[in-house]
Amino acid sequence: MLGPGDDAAMVGAPDGRVVVSTDLLIEGRHFRRDWSSAYDVGRKAAAQNLADVAAMGARPTSIVVGLGMPADLPVAWLDGLTDGFRDECAGAGASVAGGDVTRCDLVVLGVTALGDLGGRPPVTRAGAAPGQVVAVAGRLGHAAAGWALLDAGAPVDSRALQEAVAAHRRPCPPYAEGVRAAELGASAMLDVSDGLLQDLGHVAKASGVRIELDPQAFTVGEPVAAAAKELGVDPLELVLTGGEDHALAAVFPSGVRLPASWQVVGRVVEGEGVLVYGRELGHGGWDHFR
């Protein structure tokens, strides 16, 4: 309703509630300027916050950005960053409402995303119940495969490997599927930011249930398969423990007819934890303090 240029922006809240999420990204910890362009960093920073909003069943509406940067940061880099913010928001149906800039030794980004529920209740992590099914929308393991290739200094000399690296630099969350899942009656949902096993562990704990995953149900994308072969690792491990693709994982009543964009990968039963092959493998995934 009122964008950058004043002391504050003004954003509409049609149903009287606002979904809010925020993330902090630090150069060298969450991104590297020698691995990703400024445009990539802007897209990624916006995506991971907008995906959190979508995972609540809300429609993303806007972001605000806090930026710390070195005094010698090229203006062209800053232009690329803001272009990335703008384009990722446009793809989610949102906009950049404003932000703040300060001097800092490293590039530090604080992004806050806002969203609108359109009169629906939020979809939390605590609603899963025995007898329901677990499904995923979006890709899994691609970003982790790309990061692993860069970290290993592996040659990226094929289209599939290049796609894996591109996925690390610029995730593609399925924003529209958050609202669709809510409308289909999803009982629990989150975005896969730290790895599917670890993130579904949050759903299992919050809901007081066990989630059993069927390893045969997962589709291993060509970039993941190619990266796993190059690195000598199990592609399914990348799919189950790799984060930062920001796919959506949701739990639905068993009778719901899901669109093709959602792939059923497991079920909810009584118990606790997350099982694959009928046994608990540990949550794997990303831990900020490990």
Protein backbone atom coordinates (compact mmCIF):
# COMPACT_ATOMS: atom_id res chain seq x y z
CA MET A 1 0.00 0.00 0.00
CA LEU A 2 2.99 2.28 0.64
CA GLY A 3 6.48 1.25 -0.38
CA PRO A 4 10.02 2.53 0.22
CA GLY A 5 10.69 6.23 0.72
CA ASP A 6 9.24 7.04 4.13
CA ASP A 7 10.13 6.05 7.69
CA ALA A 8 8.00 2.93 7.33
CA ALA A 9 6.06 1.06 4.69
CA MET A 10 2.38 0.17 4.88
CA VAL A 11 1.19 -3.32 4.00
CA GLY A 12 -2.43 -4.46 3.86
CA ALA A 13 -3.75 -7.25 6.08
CA PRO A 14 -7.06 -8.19 4.45
CA ASP A 15 -8.26 -10.68 7.07
CA GLY A 16 -6.78 -8.87 10.07
CA ARG A 17 -3.86 -11.28 10.58
CA VAL A 18 -0.29 -11.29 9.25
CA VAL A 19 2.00 -14.31 8.90
CA VAL A 20 5.59 -13.25 9.66
CA SER A 21 8.91 -15.06 9.22
CA THR A 22 12.50 -13.84 9.38
CA ASP A 23 15.94 -15.25 8.55
CA LEU A 24 19.52 -14.08 8.91
CA LEU A 25 22.14 -14.82 6.24
CA ILE A 26 25.84 -14.23 6.89
CA GLU A 27 28.53 -14.24 4.23
CA GLY A 28 30.77 -17.27 4.60
CA ARG A 29 28.16 -19.09 6.65
CA HIS A 30 25.09 -19.12 4.42
CA PHE A 31 26.52 -17.98 1.09
CA ARG A 32 29.86 -17.25 -0.58
CA ARG A 33 30.39 -14.41 -3.00
CA ASP A 34 32.87 -16.51 -4.97
CA TRP A 35 30.22 -19.21 -5.44
CA SER A 36 27.10 -17.11 -6.03
CA SER A 37 26.39 -13.86 -7.83
CA ALA A 38 24.73 -10.97 -6.03
CA TYR A 39 21.56 -11.74 -7.99
CA ASP A 40 21.64 -15.36 -6.80
CA VAL A 41 22.08 -14.25 -3.18
CA GLY A 42 19.09 -11.92 -3.46
CA ARG A 43 16.90 -14.62 -4.97
CA LYS A 44 17.96 -17.16 -2.35
CA ALA A 45 17.55 -14.81 0.61
CA ALA A 46 14.04 -13.86 -0.47
CA ALA A 47 13.08 -17.44 -1.37
CA GLN A 48 13.87 -19.01 1.98
CA ASN A 49 11.68 -16.49 3.78
CA LEU A 50 8.83 -16.48 1.30
CA ALA A 51 8.79 -20.30 1.46
CA ASP A 52 8.28 -20.14 5.24
CA VAL A 53 5.19 -18.01 4.69
CA ALA A 54 3.85 -20.37 2.02
CA ALA A 55 4.43 -23.30 4.39
CA MET A 56 1.86 -21.81 6.76
CA GLY A 57 -0.73 -21.89 3.98
CA ALA A 58 -0.42 -18.14 3.40
CA ARG A 59 0.08 -16.09 0.28
CA PRO A 60 3.35 -14.12 0.46
CA THR A 61 2.75 -10.39 0.21
CA SER A 62 6.00 -8.55 0.93
CA ILE A 63 9.48 -8.58 2.43
CA VAL A 64 11.61 -6.03 4.28
CA VAL A 65 15.41 -6.31 4.23
CA GLY A 66 18.16 -5.33 6.66
CA LEU A 67 21.57 -5.18 4.93
CA GLY A 68 25.02 -4.87 6.45
CA MET A 69 27.83 -4.47 3.92
CA PRO A 70 31.49 -3.45 3.63
CA ALA A 71 32.15 0.12 2.52
CA ASP A 72 34.01 -1.11 -0.57
CA LEU A 73 31.20 -3.36 -1.81
CA PRO A 74 30.72 -2.52 -5.50
CA VAL A 75 27.53 -0.70 -6.36
CA ALA A 76 26.98 -3.21 -9.16
CA TRP A 77 26.88 -6.01 -6.55
CA LEU A 78 24.22 -4.17 -4.58
CA ASP A 79 22.22 -3.60 -7.77
CA GLY A 80 22.35 -7.32 -8.52
CA LEU A 81 21.23 -8.15 -4.99
CA THR A 82 18.21 -5.88 -5.14
CA ASP A 83 17.29 -7.18 -8.59
CA GLY A 84 17.32 -10.68 -7.08
CA PHE A 85 15.02 -9.61 -4.26
CA ARG A 86 12.64 -7.99 -6.74
CA ASP A 87 12.44 -10.92 -9.14
CA GLU A 88 12.01 -13.60 -6.46
CA CYS A 89 9.24 -11.58 -4.83
CA ALA A 90 7.54 -11.10 -8.19
CA GLY A 91 7.56 -14.85 -8.75
CA ALA A 92 5.81 -15.36 -5.41
CA GLY A 93 3.31 -12.57 -5.95
CA ALA A 94 4.96 -10.35 -3.35
CA SER A 95 6.99 -7.11 -3.32
CA VAL A 96 9.89 -5.46 -1.52
CA ALA A 97 8.37 -3.02 0.98
CA GLY A 98 11.60 -1.48 2.27
CA GLY A 99 14.54 -2.01 4.58
CA ASP A 100 17.70 -0.55 6.09
CA VAL A 101 21.43 -0.47 5.27
CA THR A 102 24.46 -0.23 7.55
CA ARG A 103 28.22 -0.70 7.33
CA CYS A 104 29.57 -4.13 8.27
CA ASP A 105 32.77 -6.13 7.74
CA LEU A 106 30.87 -8.89 5.95
CA VAL A 107 27.68 -8.95 3.92
CA VAL A 108 24.88 -9.71 6.37
CA LEU A 109 21.23 -9.98 5.33
CA GLY A 110 18.18 -9.99 7.56
CA VAL A 111 15.01 -10.68 5.59
CA THR A 112 11.50 -10.60 7.03
CA ALA A 113 8.61 -11.92 4.94
CA LEU A 114 4.92 -11.20 5.44
CA GLY A 115 1.93 -13.15 4.20
CA ASP A 116 -1.87 -13.25 4.14
CA LEU A 117 -3.99 -16.28 5.09
CA GLY A 118 -7.06 -15.17 3.15
CA GLY A 119 -9.39 -16.10 6.02
CA ARG A 120 -8.01 -19.63 6.40
CA PRO A 121 -6.51 -21.00 9.61
CA PRO A 122 -2.72 -21.37 9.53
CA VAL A 123 -1.32 -24.81 8.77
CA THR A 124 1.05 -25.60 11.64
CA ARG A 125 3.37 -28.53 12.36
CA ALA A 126 1.11 -29.93 15.06
CA GLY A 127 -1.91 -31.28 13.18
CA ALA A 128 -0.72 -34.62 11.79
CA ALA A 129 -2.73 -37.68 12.88
CA PRO A 130 -2.40 -41.46 12.40
CA GLY A 131 -3.94 -42.67 9.15
CA GLN A 132 -2.95 -39.59 7.18
CA VAL A 133 -0.44 -39.43 4.32
CA VAL A 134 2.76 -37.43 3.90
CA ALA A 135 3.41 -35.72 0.57
CA VAL A 136 6.03 -33.43 -0.92
CA ALA A 137 5.80 -30.66 -3.52
CA GLY A 138 8.99 -29.35 -5.12
CA ARG A 139 12.44 -30.82 -5.57
CA LEU A 140 14.60 -32.51 -2.95
CA GLY A 141 18.36 -32.99 -2.79
CA HIS A 142 19.23 -30.64 -5.65
CA ALA A 143 20.62 -27.78 -3.56
CA ALA A 144 22.56 -30.15 -1.32
CA ALA A 145 24.05 -31.84 -4.38
CA GLY A 146 25.15 -28.48 -5.76
CA TRP A 147 26.71 -27.41 -2.47
CA ALA A 148 28.57 -30.71 -2.16
CA LEU A 149 29.99 -30.33 -5.67
CA LEU A 150 31.24 -26.82 -4.94
CA ASP A 151 32.61 -27.80 -1.55
CA ALA A 152 34.52 -30.73 -3.05
CA GLY A 153 35.87 -28.65 -5.92
CA ALA A 154 34.45 -31.25 -8.28
CA PRO A 155 34.35 -30.56 -12.03
CA VAL A 156 30.96 -29.28 -13.13
CA ASP A 157 31.17 -30.26 -16.77
CA SER A 158 27.72 -31.58 -17.61
CA ARG A 159 24.26 -30.10 -17.83
CA ALA A 160 23.00 -32.17 -14.88
CA LEU A 161 25.86 -31.09 -12.60
CA GLN A 162 25.40 -27.47 -13.65
CA GLU A 163 21.71 -27.73 -12.75
CA ALA A 164 22.64 -29.03 -9.30
CA VAL A 165 24.96 -26.08 -8.68
CA ALA A 166 22.29 -23.69 -9.96
CA ALA A 167 19.84 -25.19 -7.47
CA HIS A 168 22.23 -24.42 -4.61
CA ARG A 169 22.59 -20.86 -5.79
CA ARG A 170 18.92 -20.25 -6.46
CA PRO A 171 16.18 -22.46 -4.94
CA CYS A 172 12.75 -22.72 -6.56
CA PRO A 173 10.11 -23.09 -3.82
CA PRO A 174 6.63 -24.14 -5.01
CA TYR A 175 4.95 -21.06 -3.50
CA ALA A 176 1.46 -21.64 -4.91
CA GLU A 177 1.33 -25.13 -3.40
CA GLY A 178 1.19 -23.73 0.13
CA VAL A 179 -2.21 -22.16 -0.40
CA ARG A 180 -3.34 -25.15 -2.47
CA ALA A 181 -2.38 -27.54 0.33
CA ALA A 182 -4.30 -25.45 2.85
CA GLU A 183 -7.36 -25.46 0.60
CA LEU A 184 -7.07 -29.25 0.23
CA GLY A 185 -7.20 -29.65 4.00
CA ALA A 186 -3.54 -30.17 4.90
CA SER A 187 -3.29 -30.86 8.63
CA ALA A 188 0.42 -30.03 8.98
CA MET A 189 3.03 -28.46 6.74
CA LEU A 190 6.53 -26.97 6.64
CA ASP A 191 9.18 -26.09 4.12
CA VAL A 192 12.19 -28.37 3.74
CA SER A 193 15.03 -26.04 4.67
CA ASP A 194 17.24 -28.29 6.84
CA GLY A 195 16.61 -31.73 5.28
CA LEU A 196 13.43 -33.80 4.95
CA LEU A 197 14.22 -36.22 7.79
CA GLN A 198 15.08 -33.45 10.21
CA ASP A 199 12.16 -31.24 9.23
CA LEU A 200 9.58 -34.05 9.33
CA GLY A 201 11.00 -34.85 12.74
CA HIS A 202 9.63 -31.47 13.84
CA VAL A 203 6.17 -32.44 12.55
CA ALA A 204 6.32 -35.82 14.27
CA LYS A 205 7.34 -34.27 17.58
CA ALA A 206 4.83 -31.40 17.45
CA SER A 207 2.00 -33.76 16.46
CA GLY A 208 2.93 -36.64 18.79
CA VAL A 209 3.06 -39.18 15.94
CA ARG A 210 5.47 -41.32 13.94
CA ILE A 211 6.12 -40.68 10.26
CA GLU A 212 7.11 -43.64 8.08
CA LEU A 213 8.68 -42.84 4.72
CA ASP A 214 8.75 -45.17 1.72
CA PRO A 215 12.17 -44.86 0.04
CA GLN A 216 10.72 -46.28 -3.19
CA ALA A 217 8.30 -43.37 -3.43
CA PHE A 218 10.94 -40.70 -3.95
CA THR A 219 11.95 -39.45 -7.36
CA VAL A 220 15.70 -38.88 -7.64
CA GLY A 221 16.24 -36.03 -10.09
CA GLU A 222 18.91 -36.29 -12.77
CA PRO A 223 21.05 -33.52 -11.17
CA VAL A 224 21.01 -35.40 -7.85
CA ALA A 225 21.86 -38.72 -9.47
CA ALA A 226 24.71 -37.18 -11.46
CA ALA A 227 26.14 -35.37 -8.43
CA ALA A 228 25.89 -38.49 -6.26
CA LYS A 229 27.80 -40.49 -8.89
CA GLU A 230 30.49 -37.80 -9.13
CA LEU A 231 30.83 -37.59 -5.34
CA GLY A 232 30.49 -41.30 -4.60
CA VAL A 233 27.51 -40.94 -2.28
CA ASP A 234 24.01 -42.42 -2.06
CA PRO A 235 21.58 -40.18 -4.01
CA LEU A 236 18.78 -41.05 -1.59
CA GLU A 237 20.87 -39.62 1.23
CA LEU A 238 20.96 -36.28 -0.59
CA VAL A 239 17.19 -36.44 -1.08
CA LEU A 240 16.43 -37.27 2.55
CA THR A 241 18.96 -35.07 4.33
CA GLY A 242 19.72 -32.25 1.90
CA GLY A 243 18.26 -28.86 2.74
CA GLU A 244 17.75 -25.48 1.09
CA ASP A 245 15.57 -26.62 -1.80
CA HIS A 246 12.61 -25.26 0.19
CA ALA A 247 10.20 -27.87 -1.07
CA LEU A 248 6.97 -28.15 0.90
CA ALA A 249 6.19 -31.24 2.96
CA ALA A 250 2.62 -31.64 4.16
CA VAL A 251 0.30 -34.14 5.81
CA PHE A 252 -3.14 -34.77 4.30
CA PRO A 253 -6.19 -36.86 5.22
CA SER A 254 -5.92 -40.19 3.42
CA GLY A 255 -9.02 -39.61 1.30
CA VAL A 256 -7.82 -36.36 -0.25
CA ARG A 257 -7.16 -36.55 -3.98
CA LEU A 258 -3.87 -34.75 -4.47
CA PRO A 259 -2.83 -32.99 -7.69
CA ALA A 260 0.19 -34.22 -9.64
CA SER A 261 2.34 -31.49 -8.07
CA TRP A 262 2.21 -33.43 -4.77
CA GLN A 263 3.95 -36.80 -4.40
CA VAL A 264 2.93 -39.10 -1.56
CA VAL A 265 6.08 -40.38 0.15
CA GLY A 266 4.89 -41.82 3.45
CA ARG A 267 2.25 -42.17 6.11
CA VAL A 268 1.51 -41.15 9.68
CA VAL A 269 1.13 -43.83 12.35
CA GLU A 270 1.10 -44.00 16.12
CA GLY A 271 4.46 -43.68 17.80
CA GLU A 272 7.27 -41.16 17.52
CA GLY A 273 10.12 -40.15 15.25
CA VAL A 274 10.70 -40.62 11.52
CA LEU A 275 11.40 -44.04 10.01
CA VAL A 276 12.78 -45.06 6.61
CA TYR A 277 13.00 -48.73 5.59
CA GLY A 278 11.11 -49.35 8.84
CA ARG A 279 14.00 -48.11 10.96
CA GLU A 280 15.12 -44.78 12.34
CA LEU A 281 18.13 -43.42 10.46
CA GLY A 282 18.67 -40.25 12.47
CA HIS A 283 17.54 -36.88 11.23
CA GLY A 284 20.70 -35.83 9.39
CA GLY A 285 20.26 -32.47 7.73
CA TRP A 286 21.55 -29.07 8.78
CA ASP A 287 22.14 -28.01 12.36
CA HIS A 288 23.24 -24.40 12.89
CA PHE A 289 25.23 -25.25 16.01
CA ARG A 290 26.66 -28.66 15.12
